[in-house]
């Protein structure tokens, strides 16, 4: 059974469209051929006061006894679209009008449950500031820092009080509404999980702790 908090968050995230965010845009990123921040420090003394400020609930991953059947229902009946998958172990789906790489995913398990909910923050600094703040408060590290291959987002997971996970993420793939050229990957679970991570995923990361 999902916690009341998680249930409320899911309703808010996937219910009627929320008002546009009033938060400032994320800072520009310098990259080869795309230099935007010239003559300015990316981090200064004010950065020491920076906090993680989740902007939205981006997605959730549910456990399912039959990933293929879940994908069939959510795509054929509800109109969502398959983005990427790792056989019958995990599958990512998105909305029919484009947008984030996934707003839901289904992970194989012996019974249903919640794997994690994921909150978008402004940059990789906020991912780690948020994760480290929670760990200092006594919450258990889940996995991270790293970067997923499925979705390309940077991540850090923290174990929540109900033994599911909360993820801070940033920089997820965006798929256009006209997505005729998007080709879903079907690759191994080890490949799709991460391009890199500071540590391997712990053994309990894929486990379903919800009661049968």
Protein backbone atom coordinates (compact mmCIF):
# COMPACT_ATOMS: atom_id res chain seq x y z
CA UNK A 1 0.00 0.00 0.00
CA UNK A 2 1.32 3.44 -0.87
CA UNK A 3 1.84 5.99 1.88
CA UNK A 4 -0.73 8.83 2.11
CA UNK A 5 2.02 11.30 1.23
CA UNK A 6 2.98 9.46 -1.95
CA UNK A 7 -0.66 9.05 -2.97
CA UNK A 8 -1.24 12.79 -2.58
CA UNK A 9 1.89 13.62 -4.58
CA UNK A 10 0.84 11.34 -7.43
CA UNK A 11 -2.61 12.94 -7.58
CA UNK A 12 -1.09 16.42 -7.67
CA UNK A 13 1.53 15.51 -10.26
CA UNK A 14 -0.68 13.71 -12.75
CA UNK A 15 -3.98 15.47 -12.13
CA UNK A 16 -5.03 18.77 -13.77
CA UNK A 17 -2.20 20.91 -15.08
CA UNK A 18 -0.59 23.03 -12.40
CA UNK A 19 0.10 26.75 -12.70
CA UNK A 20 3.43 27.63 -14.38
CA UNK A 21 6.37 27.53 -12.01
CA UNK A 22 7.37 30.86 -10.49
CA UNK A 23 10.90 29.66 -9.85
CA UNK A 24 13.75 31.25 -11.83
CA UNK A 25 15.20 29.25 -14.71
CA UNK A 26 18.24 27.09 -14.09
CA UNK A 27 21.59 28.82 -14.71
CA UNK A 28 23.17 28.55 -18.13
CA UNK A 29 25.68 25.75 -18.68
CA UNK A 30 29.02 26.30 -20.38
CA UNK A 31 29.81 23.59 -22.90
CA UNK A 32 32.00 23.41 -26.02
CA UNK A 33 30.44 25.61 -28.66
CA UNK A 34 27.78 26.90 -26.23
CA UNK A 35 29.52 29.40 -23.97
CA UNK A 36 26.86 31.48 -22.20
CA UNK A 37 28.39 32.37 -18.84
CA UNK A 38 31.43 34.53 -19.61
CA UNK A 39 33.14 36.63 -16.96
CA UNK A 40 30.87 35.31 -14.20
CA UNK A 41 31.45 32.74 -11.48
CA UNK A 42 29.16 29.72 -11.53
CA UNK A 43 29.79 29.33 -7.78
CA UNK A 44 30.49 32.18 -5.38
CA UNK A 45 30.00 32.74 -1.64
CA UNK A 46 26.23 32.77 -2.06
CA UNK A 47 26.47 29.18 -3.34
CA UNK A 48 27.29 28.08 0.21
CA UNK A 49 23.71 29.00 1.15
CA UNK A 50 22.16 27.13 -1.77
CA UNK A 51 19.34 24.66 -1.05
CA UNK A 52 17.61 21.96 -3.06
CA UNK A 53 14.29 23.34 -4.25
CA UNK A 54 12.22 20.67 -6.04
CA UNK A 55 10.39 22.19 -9.00
CA UNK A 56 7.95 19.38 -9.73
CA UNK A 57 7.29 15.68 -9.40
CA UNK A 58 8.74 14.38 -12.63
CA UNK A 59 7.93 10.67 -12.64
CA UNK A 60 7.34 7.53 -10.65
CA UNK A 61 8.30 3.89 -11.08
CA UNK A 62 5.87 1.15 -10.07
CA UNK A 63 6.56 -2.50 -9.47
CA UNK A 64 4.55 -4.86 -11.65
CA UNK A 65 4.25 -8.63 -11.88
CA UNK A 66 3.94 -8.36 -15.67
CA UNK A 67 5.81 -5.46 -17.29
CA UNK A 68 4.62 -6.33 -20.81
CA UNK A 69 0.99 -6.36 -19.73
CA UNK A 70 1.40 -3.01 -17.95
CA UNK A 71 2.97 -1.46 -21.06
CA UNK A 72 0.14 -2.81 -23.21
CA UNK A 73 -2.52 -1.31 -20.95
CA UNK A 74 -0.91 2.11 -20.54
CA UNK A 75 -0.11 2.44 -24.26
CA UNK A 76 -3.09 0.78 -25.93
CA UNK A 77 -5.82 1.86 -23.48
CA UNK A 78 -4.47 5.11 -21.99
CA UNK A 79 -2.59 6.35 -25.06
CA UNK A 80 0.88 6.63 -23.53
CA UNK A 81 3.95 5.71 -25.57
CA UNK A 82 6.86 3.39 -24.94
CA UNK A 83 10.19 5.23 -24.77
CA UNK A 84 12.82 2.64 -23.78
CA UNK A 85 12.95 -0.74 -22.08
CA UNK A 86 15.14 -3.57 -20.80
CA UNK A 87 13.18 -6.62 -21.95
CA UNK A 88 10.52 -7.56 -19.43
CA UNK A 89 12.55 -6.15 -16.49
CA UNK A 90 11.76 -2.43 -16.83
CA UNK A 91 9.92 -0.24 -19.34
CA UNK A 92 9.60 3.55 -19.53
CA UNK A 93 6.51 5.31 -20.90
CA UNK A 94 5.76 8.95 -21.67
CA UNK A 95 2.75 11.08 -22.49
CA UNK A 96 1.21 11.01 -25.97
CA UNK A 97 2.11 14.65 -26.66
CA UNK A 98 5.85 14.37 -26.07
CA UNK A 99 7.73 15.82 -23.12
CA UNK A 100 9.87 14.06 -20.53
CA UNK A 101 11.49 10.75 -21.51
CA UNK A 102 9.21 9.06 -18.97
CA UNK A 103 6.53 10.03 -16.53
CA UNK A 104 6.04 6.41 -15.45
CA UNK A 105 7.98 3.18 -15.62
CA UNK A 106 7.25 -0.42 -14.67
CA UNK A 107 9.80 -2.63 -12.92
CA UNK A 108 9.40 -6.39 -12.60
CA UNK A 109 8.65 -7.78 -9.14
CA UNK A 110 6.81 -10.60 -7.40
CA UNK A 111 4.02 -8.16 -6.43
CA UNK A 112 2.91 -4.59 -6.98
CA UNK A 113 4.37 -1.63 -5.13
CA UNK A 114 6.19 1.66 -5.47
CA UNK A 115 9.88 1.79 -6.36
CA UNK A 116 10.43 5.56 -6.33
CA UNK A 117 9.08 9.02 -6.95
CA UNK A 118 11.39 11.54 -8.59
CA UNK A 119 11.65 15.30 -8.06
CA UNK A 120 13.29 17.66 -10.55
CA UNK A 121 15.72 20.23 -9.18
CA UNK A 122 17.63 23.07 -10.83
CA UNK A 123 21.07 21.55 -11.37
CA UNK A 124 23.49 18.86 -10.25
CA UNK A 125 24.49 20.95 -7.22
CA UNK A 126 20.90 20.83 -5.95
CA UNK A 127 20.82 17.05 -6.42
CA UNK A 128 23.74 16.57 -4.05
CA UNK A 129 22.78 19.37 -1.66
CA UNK A 130 19.36 17.77 -1.28
CA UNK A 131 20.70 14.23 -0.93
CA UNK A 132 23.36 15.20 1.60
CA UNK A 133 20.86 17.25 3.60
CA UNK A 134 18.59 14.22 3.90
CA UNK A 135 21.43 11.91 4.84
CA UNK A 136 22.59 14.31 7.56
CA UNK A 137 19.03 14.20 8.87
CA UNK A 138 19.32 10.43 9.26
CA UNK A 139 17.81 9.10 6.03
CA UNK A 140 19.58 6.23 4.29
CA UNK A 141 21.47 6.69 1.05
CA UNK A 142 19.73 4.87 -1.81
CA UNK A 143 22.12 5.24 -4.76
CA UNK A 144 24.02 8.06 -6.41
CA UNK A 145 25.36 10.36 -7.62
CA UNK A 146 25.13 9.05 -11.18
CA UNK A 147 23.67 9.51 -14.64
CA UNK A 148 21.07 7.20 -16.16
CA UNK A 149 21.20 5.96 -19.72
CA UNK A 150 17.41 5.60 -19.86
CA UNK A 151 16.42 9.26 -19.80
CA UNK A 152 19.97 10.65 -19.50
CA UNK A 153 19.14 12.38 -16.21
CA UNK A 154 21.56 12.83 -13.32
CA UNK A 155 20.24 11.20 -10.14
CA UNK A 156 20.63 10.54 -6.45
CA UNK A 157 18.18 8.31 -4.55
CA UNK A 158 17.38 8.42 -0.83
CA UNK A 159 15.47 5.67 1.01
CA UNK A 160 12.22 7.09 2.42
CA UNK A 161 10.48 6.12 5.72
CA UNK A 162 8.29 3.55 3.88
CA UNK A 163 11.33 1.79 2.34
CA UNK A 164 10.62 3.05 -1.16
CA UNK A 165 12.89 5.70 -2.69
CA UNK A 166 12.86 9.43 -3.40
CA UNK A 167 15.03 10.63 -6.27
CA UNK A 168 16.40 14.07 -7.04
CA UNK A 169 16.99 14.43 -10.80
CA UNK A 170 18.08 17.01 -13.36
CA UNK A 171 18.54 17.19 -17.16
CA UNK A 172 16.19 14.53 -18.49
CA UNK A 173 15.71 13.82 -22.22
CA UNK A 174 12.79 15.67 -23.82
CA UNK A 175 10.92 14.06 -26.72
CA UNK A 176 9.05 16.23 -29.24
CA UNK A 177 5.35 15.84 -29.83
CA UNK A 178 6.09 14.73 -33.40
CA UNK A 179 8.27 11.81 -32.30
CA UNK A 180 8.30 9.74 -35.47
CA UNK A 181 12.11 9.54 -35.39
CA UNK A 182 12.35 8.34 -31.76
CA UNK A 183 13.46 4.70 -31.67
CA UNK A 184 12.92 2.94 -28.32
CA UNK A 185 15.96 1.06 -27.02
CA UNK A 186 15.65 -2.49 -25.74
CA UNK A 187 18.90 -3.22 -23.94
CA UNK A 188 20.18 -4.93 -20.80
CA UNK A 189 19.19 -3.69 -17.36
CA UNK A 190 22.83 -3.02 -16.43
CA UNK A 191 23.24 -0.84 -19.52
CA UNK A 192 20.03 1.13 -19.19
CA UNK A 193 20.49 1.79 -15.47
CA UNK A 194 23.46 4.12 -15.61
CA UNK A 195 26.18 5.54 -17.84
CA UNK A 196 28.18 6.04 -14.64
CA UNK A 197 27.67 6.25 -10.90
CA UNK A 198 29.92 6.96 -7.95
CA UNK A 199 29.06 3.54 -6.51
CA UNK A 200 27.41 0.38 -7.87
CA UNK A 201 23.68 0.10 -7.06
CA UNK A 202 23.26 -1.57 -3.66
CA UNK A 203 21.64 -5.03 -3.60
CA UNK A 204 18.43 -3.62 -2.10
CA UNK A 205 18.01 -0.97 -4.83
CA UNK A 206 15.67 -3.09 -7.03
CA UNK A 207 13.87 -4.74 -4.10
CA UNK A 208 10.16 -4.31 -3.40
CA UNK A 209 9.66 -3.71 0.32
CA UNK A 210 5.88 -3.27 0.19
CA UNK A 211 3.81 -6.07 1.75
CA UNK A 212 2.20 -8.55 -0.62
